[in-house]
Amino acid sequence: MKITKNKSQELYTCRIENRSFTSPNYSSVMKWRDENVQNAEYFKEIKELHDQAMQSMYDNNPTNYTGD
């Protein structure tokens, strides 16, 4: 959740799990980080529900599909 500055450009990036936000404005990146930290529990719950749904799909799939 730390904010990093790009070495070659005036860009700041923050990454939280698989989501990231990049902007030339440091305060915009700070705002995005703060909003997403507040919603971290919500995103964790959504990810867990998604994982359970995908596992159920694979367990109940009659074609035994395992991906490409």
Protein backbone atom coordinates (compact mmCIF):
# COMPACT_ATOMS: atom_id res chain seq x y z
CA MET A 1 0.00 0.00 0.00
CA LYS A 2 2.91 2.33 -0.26
CA ILE A 3 3.09 5.03 -2.90
CA THR A 4 6.04 4.79 -5.27
CA LYS A 5 7.41 7.41 -7.63
CA ASN A 6 8.32 6.40 -11.17
CA LYS A 7 12.06 6.87 -11.80
CA SER A 8 11.77 8.10 -15.38
CA GLN A 9 8.54 10.12 -15.20
CA GLU A 10 6.67 12.33 -12.77
CA LEU A 11 4.15 9.63 -11.91
CA TYR A 12 3.08 8.16 -8.59
CA THR A 13 1.62 4.67 -8.22
CA CYS A 14 -0.08 2.82 -5.41
CA ARG A 15 -0.91 -0.90 -5.63
CA ILE A 16 -3.31 -2.76 -3.35
CA GLU A 17 -3.48 -6.48 -4.17
CA ASN A 18 -4.35 -6.65 -7.88
CA ARG A 19 -5.58 -3.04 -8.17
CA SER A 20 -3.39 -0.04 -8.82
CA PHE A 21 -3.74 3.66 -9.44
CA THR A 22 -1.24 5.94 -11.20
CA SER A 23 -1.31 9.70 -11.45
CA PRO A 24 1.08 12.64 -11.79
CA ASN A 25 -0.71 14.17 -8.81
CA TYR A 26 0.53 12.78 -5.47
CA SER A 27 -2.57 13.92 -3.59
CA SER A 28 -4.84 12.02 -6.01
CA VAL A 29 -2.91 8.83 -5.34
CA MET A 30 -3.10 9.44 -1.58
CA LYS A 31 -6.86 9.94 -1.84
CA TRP A 32 -7.29 6.73 -3.85
CA ARG A 33 -5.17 4.80 -1.33
CA ASP A 34 -7.12 6.14 1.65
CA GLU A 35 -10.48 5.29 0.06
CA ASN A 36 -9.37 1.77 -0.81
CA VAL A 37 -7.87 1.10 2.60
CA GLN A 38 -11.23 1.96 4.14
CA ASN A 39 -12.89 -0.55 1.78
CA ALA A 40 -10.24 -3.26 2.22
CA GLU A 41 -12.52 -5.50 4.28
CA TYR A 42 -15.27 -5.21 1.65
CA PHE A 43 -12.88 -6.11 -1.19
CA LYS A 44 -11.55 -9.05 0.83
CA GLU A 45 -15.10 -10.37 1.30
CA ILE A 46 -15.86 -9.93 -2.43
CA LYS A 47 -12.70 -11.86 -3.33
CA GLU A 48 -13.60 -14.70 -0.98
CA LEU A 49 -17.13 -14.92 -2.41
CA HIS A 50 -15.73 -14.92 -5.94
CA ASP A 51 -13.32 -17.72 -5.07
CA GLN A 52 -16.13 -19.78 -3.53
CA ALA A 53 -18.33 -19.23 -6.59
CA MET A 54 -15.56 -20.28 -8.97
CA GLN A 55 -14.83 -23.41 -6.92
CA SER A 56 -18.51 -24.31 -6.95
CA MET A 57 -18.60 -23.85 -10.72
CA TYR A 58 -15.66 -26.24 -11.18
CA ASP A 59 -17.09 -28.76 -8.68
CA ASN A 60 -20.52 -28.84 -10.37
CA ASN A 61 -19.50 -28.59 -14.02
CA PRO A 62 -20.63 -31.71 -15.93
CA THR A 63 -18.08 -31.15 -18.72
CA ASN A 64 -15.16 -31.24 -16.24
CA TYR A 65 -13.85 -27.95 -17.66
CA THR A 66 -10.52 -27.02 -16.08
CA GLY A 67 -9.57 -23.99 -18.14
CA ASP A 68 -7.71 -23.32 -21.34
